[in-house]
């Protein structure tokens, strides 16, 4: 699960819905208190995704690591 901050917009995440689904990598475009909006692959629009289904790709941002 992730807890995004404004500094994380543009950062890559991996979607893991369940053990039966293939992981998908996407980029955070925005978020609110209910969903993280992620653009997956070459899709033109973002999809609302629960933060509990997302994991970070790569190192933590400076803003997240200082919290």
N, C-alpha and C. Protein backbone atom coordinates (compact mmCIF):
# COMPACT_ATOMS: atom_id res chain seq x y z
N UNK A 1 0.85 -1.18 0.00
CA UNK A 1 0.00 0.00 0.00
C UNK A 1 0.89 1.25 0.00
N UNK A 2 0.45 2.27 -0.70
CA UNK A 2 1.19 3.52 -0.75
C UNK A 2 0.38 4.62 -0.06
N UNK A 3 1.05 5.69 0.28
CA UNK A 3 0.42 6.90 0.83
C UNK A 3 1.03 8.07 0.07
N UNK A 4 0.47 8.43 -1.08
CA UNK A 4 1.10 9.44 -1.93
C UNK A 4 1.02 10.85 -1.36
N UNK A 5 1.99 11.64 -1.75
CA UNK A 5 2.01 13.08 -1.44
C UNK A 5 2.05 13.81 -2.78
N UNK A 6 1.84 15.12 -2.79
CA UNK A 6 1.91 15.86 -4.07
C UNK A 6 3.23 15.64 -4.81
N UNK A 7 4.32 15.43 -4.10
CA UNK A 7 5.62 15.20 -4.74
C UNK A 7 5.66 13.88 -5.50
N UNK A 8 4.71 12.97 -5.24
CA UNK A 8 4.69 11.66 -5.90
C UNK A 8 3.95 11.65 -7.22
N UNK A 9 3.31 12.74 -7.60
CA UNK A 9 2.64 12.79 -8.91
C UNK A 9 3.72 12.65 -9.98
N UNK A 10 3.50 11.73 -10.91
CA UNK A 10 4.48 11.42 -11.93
C UNK A 10 5.35 10.22 -11.59
N UNK A 11 5.20 9.70 -10.40
CA UNK A 11 6.00 8.55 -9.95
C UNK A 11 5.33 7.24 -10.39
N UNK A 12 6.17 6.23 -10.65
CA UNK A 12 5.65 4.93 -11.08
C UNK A 12 5.20 4.09 -9.89
N UNK A 13 4.12 3.36 -10.12
CA UNK A 13 3.58 2.41 -9.16
C UNK A 13 3.24 1.11 -9.88
N UNK A 14 3.12 0.06 -9.09
CA UNK A 14 2.69 -1.23 -9.62
C UNK A 14 1.35 -1.58 -9.00
N UNK A 15 0.38 -1.95 -9.85
CA UNK A 15 -0.94 -2.39 -9.39
C UNK A 15 -0.90 -3.89 -9.17
N UNK A 16 -1.33 -4.32 -8.00
CA UNK A 16 -1.45 -5.74 -7.67
C UNK A 16 -2.83 -5.95 -7.04
N UNK A 17 -3.80 -6.27 -7.88
CA UNK A 17 -5.17 -6.43 -7.41
C UNK A 17 -5.39 -7.68 -6.60
N UNK A 18 -4.87 -8.79 -7.08
CA UNK A 18 -4.98 -10.07 -6.38
C UNK A 18 -3.89 -10.99 -6.93
N UNK A 19 -3.76 -12.14 -6.32
CA UNK A 19 -2.71 -13.07 -6.76
C UNK A 19 -2.99 -13.62 -8.15
N UNK A 20 -4.25 -13.53 -8.62
CA UNK A 20 -4.61 -14.05 -9.94
C UNK A 20 -4.38 -13.04 -11.06
N UNK A 21 -4.26 -11.76 -10.74
CA UNK A 21 -4.10 -10.74 -11.78
C UNK A 21 -2.63 -10.44 -12.03
N UNK A 22 -2.34 -10.10 -13.27
CA UNK A 22 -0.98 -9.72 -13.64
C UNK A 22 -0.70 -8.31 -13.12
N UNK A 23 0.49 -8.06 -12.56
CA UNK A 23 0.81 -6.71 -12.12
C UNK A 23 0.87 -5.76 -13.31
N UNK A 24 0.46 -4.50 -13.09
CA UNK A 24 0.51 -3.47 -14.12
C UNK A 24 1.29 -2.28 -13.57
N UNK A 25 2.16 -1.71 -14.38
CA UNK A 25 2.90 -0.52 -13.98
C UNK A 25 2.22 0.70 -14.57
N UNK A 26 2.12 1.75 -13.78
CA UNK A 26 1.50 2.99 -14.23
C UNK A 26 2.13 4.18 -13.55
N UNK A 27 1.64 5.36 -13.88
CA UNK A 27 2.16 6.62 -13.35
C UNK A 27 1.04 7.36 -12.64
N UNK A 28 1.31 7.83 -11.43
CA UNK A 28 0.32 8.60 -10.67
C UNK A 28 0.10 9.94 -11.36
N UNK A 29 -1.17 10.26 -11.64
CA UNK A 29 -1.50 11.55 -12.23
C UNK A 29 -2.15 12.49 -11.22
N UNK A 30 -2.81 11.93 -10.20
CA UNK A 30 -3.40 12.72 -9.12
C UNK A 30 -3.92 11.75 -8.07
N UNK A 31 -4.45 12.30 -6.99
CA UNK A 31 -5.05 11.47 -5.95
C UNK A 31 -5.98 12.31 -5.10
N UNK A 32 -6.88 11.63 -4.41
CA UNK A 32 -7.73 12.29 -3.43
C UNK A 32 -7.78 11.37 -2.21
N UNK A 33 -8.66 11.62 -1.28
CA UNK A 33 -8.65 10.80 -0.06
C UNK A 33 -9.20 9.39 -0.27
N UNK A 34 -9.83 9.13 -1.41
CA UNK A 34 -10.40 7.82 -1.68
C UNK A 34 -9.60 7.00 -2.69
N UNK A 35 -9.04 7.66 -3.71
CA UNK A 35 -8.38 6.95 -4.80
C UNK A 35 -7.08 7.61 -5.23
N UNK A 36 -6.23 6.78 -5.85
CA UNK A 36 -5.05 7.27 -6.54
C UNK A 36 -5.37 7.11 -8.02
N UNK A 37 -5.17 8.14 -8.81
CA UNK A 37 -5.47 8.08 -10.23
C UNK A 37 -4.18 7.76 -10.97
N UNK A 38 -4.21 6.64 -11.69
CA UNK A 38 -3.01 6.10 -12.32
C UNK A 38 -3.26 5.89 -13.81
N UNK A 39 -2.31 6.32 -14.62
CA UNK A 39 -2.36 6.06 -16.07
C UNK A 39 -1.48 4.84 -16.33
N UNK A 40 -2.11 3.77 -16.80
CA UNK A 40 -1.43 2.51 -17.07
C UNK A 40 -1.07 2.39 -18.54
N UNK A 41 0.16 1.98 -18.81
CA UNK A 41 0.60 1.74 -20.18
C UNK A 41 0.34 2.91 -21.10
N UNK A 42 -0.24 2.62 -22.27
CA UNK A 42 -0.50 3.66 -23.27
C UNK A 42 -1.94 4.18 -23.20
N UNK A 43 -2.64 3.88 -22.11
CA UNK A 43 -4.02 4.35 -21.98
C UNK A 43 -4.05 5.88 -21.96
N UNK A 44 -5.03 6.49 -22.60
CA UNK A 44 -5.09 7.96 -22.65
C UNK A 44 -5.59 8.59 -21.35
N UNK A 45 -6.27 7.83 -20.51
CA UNK A 45 -6.87 8.37 -19.29
C UNK A 45 -6.42 7.58 -18.07
N UNK A 46 -6.48 8.23 -16.93
CA UNK A 46 -6.14 7.57 -15.67
C UNK A 46 -7.33 6.77 -15.15
N UNK A 47 -7.00 5.77 -14.33
CA UNK A 47 -8.02 4.97 -13.67
C UNK A 47 -7.95 5.18 -12.17
N UNK A 48 -9.09 5.28 -11.52
CA UNK A 48 -9.14 5.36 -10.06
C UNK A 48 -8.75 4.01 -9.50
N UNK A 49 -7.78 4.01 -8.60
CA UNK A 49 -7.24 2.78 -8.04
C UNK A 49 -7.11 2.95 -6.54
N UNK A 50 -7.47 1.92 -5.77
CA UNK A 50 -7.30 1.98 -4.33
C UNK A 50 -5.81 1.91 -3.98
N UNK A 51 -5.39 2.75 -3.05
CA UNK A 51 -3.98 2.78 -2.63
C UNK A 51 -3.53 1.43 -2.09
N UNK A 52 -4.44 0.67 -1.53
CA UNK A 52 -4.10 -0.65 -0.97
C UNK A 52 -3.68 -1.64 -2.05
N UNK A 53 -3.97 -1.35 -3.31
CA UNK A 53 -3.59 -2.23 -4.42
C UNK A 53 -2.33 -1.78 -5.13
N UNK A 54 -1.69 -0.72 -4.61
CA UNK A 54 -0.51 -0.17 -5.28
C UNK A 54 0.75 -0.32 -4.44
N UNK A 55 1.87 -0.48 -5.15
CA UNK A 55 3.18 -0.53 -4.53
C UNK A 55 4.09 0.42 -5.31
N UNK A 56 5.07 1.02 -4.63
CA UNK A 56 6.01 1.91 -5.29
C UNK A 56 6.96 1.14 -6.19
N UNK A 57 7.37 1.77 -7.28
CA UNK A 57 8.43 1.26 -8.15
C UNK A 57 9.61 2.20 -7.92
N UNK A 58 10.74 1.68 -7.52
CA UNK A 58 11.92 2.52 -7.32
C UNK A 58 11.98 3.13 -5.95
N UNK A 59 12.99 4.00 -5.72
CA UNK A 59 13.20 4.59 -4.40
C UNK A 59 12.14 5.61 -4.04
N UNK A 60 11.98 5.84 -2.74
CA UNK A 60 11.00 6.81 -2.24
C UNK A 60 11.41 8.22 -2.61
N UNK A 61 10.41 9.09 -2.81
CA UNK A 61 10.69 10.50 -3.09
C UNK A 61 11.19 11.18 -1.82
N UNK A 62 11.83 12.32 -1.97
CA UNK A 62 12.34 13.06 -0.83
C UNK A 62 11.21 13.47 0.11
N UNK A 63 10.09 13.91 -0.45
CA UNK A 63 8.96 14.36 0.38
C UNK A 63 8.41 13.20 1.22
N UNK A 64 8.30 12.01 0.63
CA UNK A 64 7.76 10.87 1.34
C UNK A 64 8.73 10.38 2.41
N UNK A 65 10.03 10.43 2.14
CA UNK A 65 11.01 9.89 3.08
C UNK A 65 11.25 10.81 4.26
N UNK A 66 10.82 12.08 4.18
CA UNK A 66 11.03 13.01 5.28
C UNK A 66 9.83 13.07 6.21
N UNK A 67 8.74 12.38 5.91
CA UNK A 67 7.55 12.39 6.76
C UNK A 67 7.75 11.59 8.02
